[in-house]
Amino acid sequence: MGKRKGAVKVTVQCHGCDKTQTLRPSKIERCDAYACTWEHGPREELAPGLVREIVYNAAGGFWGWRDVLATEEDAQAVRRAREIAVLGVAESVVHDAARRMASD
């Protein structure tokens, strides 16, 4: 690939460190912030009514995220996911108790 003279470049910085990516604007997907690793991702809780969209390779090797208003479909999906998580924890507790009882 040849370099284009005078091509506009944008520098994106990682949310958690000083690492940067310099790219053409067409190679960057608009996000609230970008990170070079998962450890540098968002730490703050979501406000009620929002969902977080994760965008892989949003800016070169950086992934990005954006917090958007949840649609009714999004809200239902979050409720189902929470129900599944609760059921999984409950099943794990029952399984552990049964294993302990069997070993006694």
N, C-alpha and C. Protein backbone atom coordinates (compact mmCIF):
# COMPACT_ATOMS: atom_id res chain seq x y z
N MET A 1 0.83 -1.18 0.00
CA MET A 1 0.00 0.00 0.00
C MET A 1 0.88 1.24 0.00
N GLY A 2 0.56 2.14 -0.85
CA GLY A 2 1.30 3.38 -0.88
C GLY A 2 0.72 4.39 0.10
N LYS A 3 1.57 5.32 0.47
CA LYS A 3 1.10 6.36 1.38
C LYS A 3 0.52 7.49 0.56
N ARG A 4 -0.61 8.00 1.02
CA ARG A 4 -1.23 9.13 0.35
C ARG A 4 -0.71 10.40 0.98
N LYS A 5 -0.22 11.30 0.18
CA LYS A 5 0.29 12.57 0.68
C LYS A 5 -0.88 13.41 1.18
N GLY A 6 -0.71 13.97 2.36
CA GLY A 6 -1.72 14.87 2.91
C GLY A 6 -2.95 14.16 3.46
N ALA A 7 -2.89 12.83 3.57
CA ALA A 7 -4.04 12.10 4.10
C ALA A 7 -4.24 12.47 5.56
N VAL A 8 -5.49 12.70 5.93
CA VAL A 8 -5.84 13.06 7.31
C VAL A 8 -5.75 11.82 8.17
N LYS A 9 -5.12 11.95 9.32
CA LYS A 9 -5.00 10.84 10.28
C LYS A 9 -5.56 11.30 11.62
N VAL A 10 -6.08 10.36 12.37
CA VAL A 10 -6.62 10.63 13.70
C VAL A 10 -5.90 9.71 14.67
N THR A 11 -5.51 10.25 15.82
CA THR A 11 -4.85 9.45 16.84
C THR A 11 -5.86 9.13 17.95
N VAL A 12 -5.99 7.85 18.26
CA VAL A 12 -6.90 7.38 19.30
C VAL A 12 -6.04 6.87 20.45
N GLN A 13 -6.37 7.26 21.68
CA GLN A 13 -5.60 6.83 22.85
C GLN A 13 -6.39 5.81 23.66
N CYS A 14 -5.68 4.83 24.20
CA CYS A 14 -6.27 3.82 25.07
C CYS A 14 -6.83 4.50 26.32
N HIS A 15 -7.97 4.02 26.76
CA HIS A 15 -8.66 4.54 27.95
C HIS A 15 -7.84 4.35 29.22
N GLY A 16 -7.00 3.30 29.26
CA GLY A 16 -6.29 2.97 30.49
C GLY A 16 -4.79 3.18 30.48
N CYS A 17 -4.21 3.54 29.34
CA CYS A 17 -2.76 3.76 29.30
C CYS A 17 -2.46 4.79 28.22
N ASP A 18 -1.19 4.98 27.92
CA ASP A 18 -0.78 6.00 26.94
C ASP A 18 -0.61 5.45 25.53
N LYS A 19 -0.94 4.19 25.32
CA LYS A 19 -0.79 3.60 23.99
C LYS A 19 -1.75 4.27 23.01
N THR A 20 -1.29 4.50 21.79
CA THR A 20 -2.12 5.16 20.78
C THR A 20 -2.12 4.39 19.47
N GLN A 21 -3.12 4.67 18.65
CA GLN A 21 -3.22 4.17 17.28
C GLN A 21 -3.50 5.39 16.41
N THR A 22 -2.76 5.55 15.33
CA THR A 22 -3.00 6.64 14.39
C THR A 22 -3.52 6.02 13.09
N LEU A 23 -4.74 6.41 12.74
CA LEU A 23 -5.44 5.80 11.60
C LEU A 23 -6.19 6.85 10.79
N ARG A 24 -6.58 6.45 9.60
CA ARG A 24 -7.50 7.29 8.82
C ARG A 24 -8.86 7.26 9.49
N PRO A 25 -9.61 8.34 9.44
CA PRO A 25 -10.93 8.37 10.08
C PRO A 25 -11.86 7.25 9.62
N SER A 26 -11.72 6.81 8.37
CA SER A 26 -12.60 5.75 7.87
C SER A 26 -12.32 4.40 8.54
N LYS A 27 -11.20 4.27 9.22
CA LYS A 27 -10.82 3.03 9.89
C LYS A 27 -11.20 3.04 11.37
N ILE A 28 -11.89 4.10 11.81
CA ILE A 28 -12.26 4.23 13.22
C ILE A 28 -13.78 4.22 13.32
N GLU A 29 -14.28 3.32 14.15
CA GLU A 29 -15.72 3.31 14.42
C GLU A 29 -15.97 4.12 15.68
N ARG A 30 -16.94 5.02 15.61
CA ARG A 30 -17.19 5.93 16.73
C ARG A 30 -17.64 5.16 17.97
N CYS A 31 -16.92 5.38 19.07
CA CYS A 31 -17.22 4.75 20.36
C CYS A 31 -17.04 5.79 21.46
N ASP A 32 -17.52 5.47 22.66
CA ASP A 32 -17.32 6.37 23.80
C ASP A 32 -15.87 6.39 24.23
N ALA A 33 -15.18 5.26 24.13
CA ALA A 33 -13.77 5.15 24.50
C ALA A 33 -13.19 3.90 23.85
N TYR A 34 -11.87 3.80 23.88
CA TYR A 34 -11.16 2.69 23.25
C TYR A 34 -10.16 2.12 24.25
N ALA A 35 -9.82 0.84 24.09
CA ALA A 35 -8.85 0.20 24.97
C ALA A 35 -7.99 -0.78 24.18
N CYS A 36 -6.72 -0.90 24.61
CA CYS A 36 -5.82 -1.83 23.93
C CYS A 36 -5.92 -3.24 24.51
N THR A 37 -6.39 -3.38 25.76
CA THR A 37 -6.59 -4.68 26.39
C THR A 37 -7.87 -4.63 27.22
N TRP A 38 -8.39 -5.81 27.59
CA TRP A 38 -9.60 -5.86 28.41
C TRP A 38 -9.39 -5.21 29.76
N GLU A 39 -8.15 -5.27 30.28
CA GLU A 39 -7.87 -4.68 31.58
C GLU A 39 -8.07 -3.17 31.58
N HIS A 40 -8.00 -2.56 30.42
CA HIS A 40 -8.16 -1.10 30.33
C HIS A 40 -9.58 -0.70 29.95
N GLY A 41 -10.50 -1.64 30.01
CA GLY A 41 -11.88 -1.38 29.63
C GLY A 41 -12.64 -0.57 30.66
N PRO A 42 -13.93 -0.40 30.44
CA PRO A 42 -14.75 0.44 31.33
C PRO A 42 -14.86 -0.15 32.73
N ARG A 43 -14.77 0.70 33.72
CA ARG A 43 -14.89 0.29 35.12
C ARG A 43 -16.20 0.77 35.74
N GLU A 44 -16.74 1.83 35.20
CA GLU A 44 -17.94 2.43 35.79
C GLU A 44 -19.19 1.60 35.46
N GLU A 45 -20.12 1.63 36.39
CA GLU A 45 -21.40 0.93 36.19
C GLU A 45 -22.23 1.69 35.16
N LEU A 46 -23.10 0.96 34.52
CA LEU A 46 -24.01 1.58 33.56
C LEU A 46 -25.13 2.30 34.29
N ALA A 47 -25.55 3.41 33.75
CA ALA A 47 -26.72 4.10 34.27
C ALA A 47 -27.96 3.28 33.92
N PRO A 48 -29.00 3.36 34.74
CA PRO A 48 -30.24 2.62 34.42
C PRO A 48 -30.76 2.99 33.04
N GLY A 49 -31.21 1.97 32.32
CA GLY A 49 -31.78 2.19 31.00
C GLY A 49 -30.76 2.16 29.86
N LEU A 50 -29.48 1.93 30.18
CA LEU A 50 -28.45 1.87 29.15
C LEU A 50 -27.92 0.45 29.01
N VAL A 51 -27.42 0.13 27.83
CA VAL A 51 -26.68 -1.10 27.59
C VAL A 51 -25.34 -0.72 26.98
N ARG A 52 -24.35 -1.57 27.16
CA ARG A 52 -23.02 -1.29 26.63
C ARG A 52 -22.78 -2.16 25.41
N GLU A 53 -22.50 -1.51 24.30
CA GLU A 53 -22.14 -2.22 23.07
C GLU A 53 -20.63 -2.31 22.99
N ILE A 54 -20.12 -3.50 22.74
CA ILE A 54 -18.69 -3.72 22.58
C ILE A 54 -18.40 -3.80 21.08
N VAL A 55 -17.38 -3.08 20.63
CA VAL A 55 -17.02 -3.05 19.22
C VAL A 55 -15.58 -3.54 19.08
N TYR A 56 -15.41 -4.72 18.51
CA TYR A 56 -14.07 -5.27 18.31
C TYR A 56 -13.39 -4.57 17.15
N ASN A 57 -12.09 -4.34 17.28
CA ASN A 57 -11.30 -3.66 16.24
C ASN A 57 -11.93 -2.33 15.84
N ALA A 58 -12.37 -1.59 16.82
CA ALA A 58 -13.03 -0.31 16.56
C ALA A 58 -12.06 0.74 16.04
N ALA A 59 -10.80 0.62 16.44
CA ALA A 59 -9.77 1.55 15.96
C ALA A 59 -8.47 0.76 15.86
N GLY A 60 -8.23 0.19 14.70
CA GLY A 60 -7.05 -0.66 14.55
C GLY A 60 -7.17 -1.86 15.47
N GLY A 61 -6.17 -2.08 16.31
CA GLY A 61 -6.20 -3.19 17.24
C GLY A 61 -6.94 -2.88 18.53
N PHE A 62 -7.43 -1.68 18.69
CA PHE A 62 -8.18 -1.31 19.89
C PHE A 62 -9.62 -1.77 19.76
N TRP A 63 -10.21 -2.19 20.87
CA TRP A 63 -11.64 -2.43 20.91
C TRP A 63 -12.26 -1.21 21.55
N GLY A 64 -13.54 -1.01 21.31
CA GLY A 64 -14.22 0.17 21.85
C GLY A 64 -15.54 -0.20 22.47
N TRP A 65 -16.13 0.76 23.14
CA TRP A 65 -17.46 0.55 23.70
C TRP A 65 -18.24 1.85 23.66
N ARG A 66 -19.53 1.68 23.64
CA ARG A 66 -20.43 2.83 23.69
C ARG A 66 -21.65 2.44 24.50
N ASP A 67 -22.11 3.36 25.32
CA ASP A 67 -23.29 3.15 26.14
C ASP A 67 -24.47 3.79 25.42
N VAL A 68 -25.48 2.98 25.12
CA VAL A 68 -26.63 3.45 24.35
C VAL A 68 -27.92 3.13 25.11
N LEU A 69 -28.97 3.86 24.77
CA LEU A 69 -30.27 3.59 25.39
C LEU A 69 -30.75 2.19 25.00
N ALA A 70 -31.22 1.47 25.98
CA ALA A 70 -31.69 0.10 25.75
C ALA A 70 -33.05 0.11 25.07
N THR A 71 -33.20 -0.72 24.05
CA THR A 71 -34.51 -0.91 23.46
C THR A 71 -35.27 -1.91 24.34
N GLU A 72 -36.54 -2.10 24.10
CA GLU A 72 -37.31 -3.09 24.87
C GLU A 72 -36.72 -4.49 24.67
N GLU A 73 -36.28 -4.78 23.46
CA GLU A 73 -35.65 -6.07 23.18
C GLU A 73 -34.36 -6.24 24.00
N ASP A 74 -33.55 -5.18 24.09
CA ASP A 74 -32.33 -5.22 24.90
C ASP A 74 -32.66 -5.48 26.36
N ALA A 75 -33.66 -4.77 26.87
CA ALA A 75 -34.05 -4.92 28.28
C ALA A 75 -34.51 -6.36 28.56
N GLN A 76 -35.27 -6.95 27.65
CA GLN A 76 -35.71 -8.33 27.83
C GLN A 76 -34.52 -9.29 27.81
N ALA A 77 -33.56 -9.04 26.93
CA ALA A 77 -32.37 -9.89 26.86
C ALA A 77 -31.56 -9.81 28.15
N VAL A 78 -31.45 -8.62 28.72
CA VAL A 78 -30.72 -8.46 29.99
C VAL A 78 -31.45 -9.20 31.10
N ARG A 79 -32.78 -9.09 31.14
CA ARG A 79 -33.55 -9.83 32.16
C ARG A 79 -33.34 -11.33 32.03
N ARG A 80 -33.40 -11.85 30.81
CA ARG A 80 -33.19 -13.29 30.60
C ARG A 80 -31.78 -13.71 31.03
N ALA A 81 -30.79 -12.90 30.70
CA ALA A 81 -29.41 -13.22 31.08
C ALA A 81 -29.25 -13.25 32.59
N ARG A 82 -29.88 -12.31 33.28
CA ARG A 82 -29.80 -12.30 34.75
C ARG A 82 -30.48 -13.52 35.34
N GLU A 83 -31.63 -13.90 34.78
CA GLU A 83 -32.32 -15.10 35.27
C GLU A 83 -31.46 -16.34 35.07
N ILE A 84 -30.82 -16.45 33.93
CA ILE A 84 -29.96 -17.60 33.66
C ILE A 84 -28.78 -17.61 34.63
N ALA A 85 -28.21 -16.44 34.90
CA ALA A 85 -27.08 -16.36 35.84
C ALA A 85 -27.50 -16.80 37.23
N VAL A 86 -28.68 -16.36 37.69
CA VAL A 86 -29.17 -16.75 39.01
C VAL A 86 -29.40 -18.25 39.07
N LEU A 87 -30.00 -18.82 38.03
CA LEU A 87 -30.23 -20.26 37.99
C LEU A 87 -28.90 -21.02 38.01
N GLY A 88 -27.91 -20.52 37.31
CA GLY A 88 -26.61 -21.18 37.29
C GLY A 88 -25.95 -21.17 38.66
N VAL A 89 -26.04 -20.05 39.37
CA VAL A 89 -25.47 -19.97 40.72
C VAL A 89 -26.21 -20.92 41.64
N ALA A 90 -27.53 -20.93 41.56
CA ALA A 90 -28.33 -21.82 42.42
C ALA A 90 -27.99 -23.28 42.14
N GLU A 91 -27.85 -23.65 40.87
CA GLU A 91 -27.51 -25.02 40.53
C GLU A 91 -26.12 -25.39 41.07
N SER A 92 -25.21 -24.46 41.00
CA SER A 92 -23.85 -24.69 41.51
C SER A 92 -23.86 -24.92 43.02
N VAL A 93 -24.66 -24.13 43.74
CA VAL A 93 -24.75 -24.27 45.20
C VAL A 93 -25.33 -25.64 45.55
N VAL A 94 -26.39 -26.04 44.86
CA VAL A 94 -27.02 -27.34 45.12
C VAL A 94 -26.04 -28.46 44.81
N HIS A 95 -25.33 -28.36 43.70
CA HIS A 95 -24.37 -29.39 43.30
C HIS A 95 -23.25 -29.51 44.35
N ASP A 96 -22.73 -28.37 44.82
CA ASP A 96 -21.67 -28.39 45.84
C ASP A 96 -22.18 -29.01 47.15
N ALA A 97 -23.41 -28.67 47.56
CA ALA A 97 -23.97 -29.22 48.79
C ALA A 97 -24.14 -30.73 48.67
N ALA A 98 -24.62 -31.19 47.51
CA ALA A 98 -24.82 -32.63 47.31
C ALA A 98 -23.47 -33.36 47.33
N ARG A 99 -22.46 -32.76 46.74
CA ARG A 99 -21.13 -33.38 46.74
C ARG A 99 -20.57 -33.46 48.16
N ARG A 100 -20.77 -32.43 48.96
CA ARG A 100 -20.30 -32.45 50.35
C ARG A 100 -21.03 -33.51 51.16
N MET A 101 -22.33 -33.60 50.93
CA MET A 101 -23.12 -34.60 51.68
C MET A 101 -22.68 -36.01 51.30
N ALA A 102 -22.36 -36.23 50.04
CA ALA A 102 -21.95 -37.55 49.58
C ALA A 102 -20.58 -37.93 50.13
N SER A 103 -19.73 -36.93 50.36
CA SER A 103 -18.40 -37.25 50.87
C SER A 103 -18.36 -37.43 52.38
N ASP A 104 -19.43 -37.05 53.08
CA ASP A 104 -19.48 -37.20 54.56
C ASP A 104 -19.80 -38.60 54.98
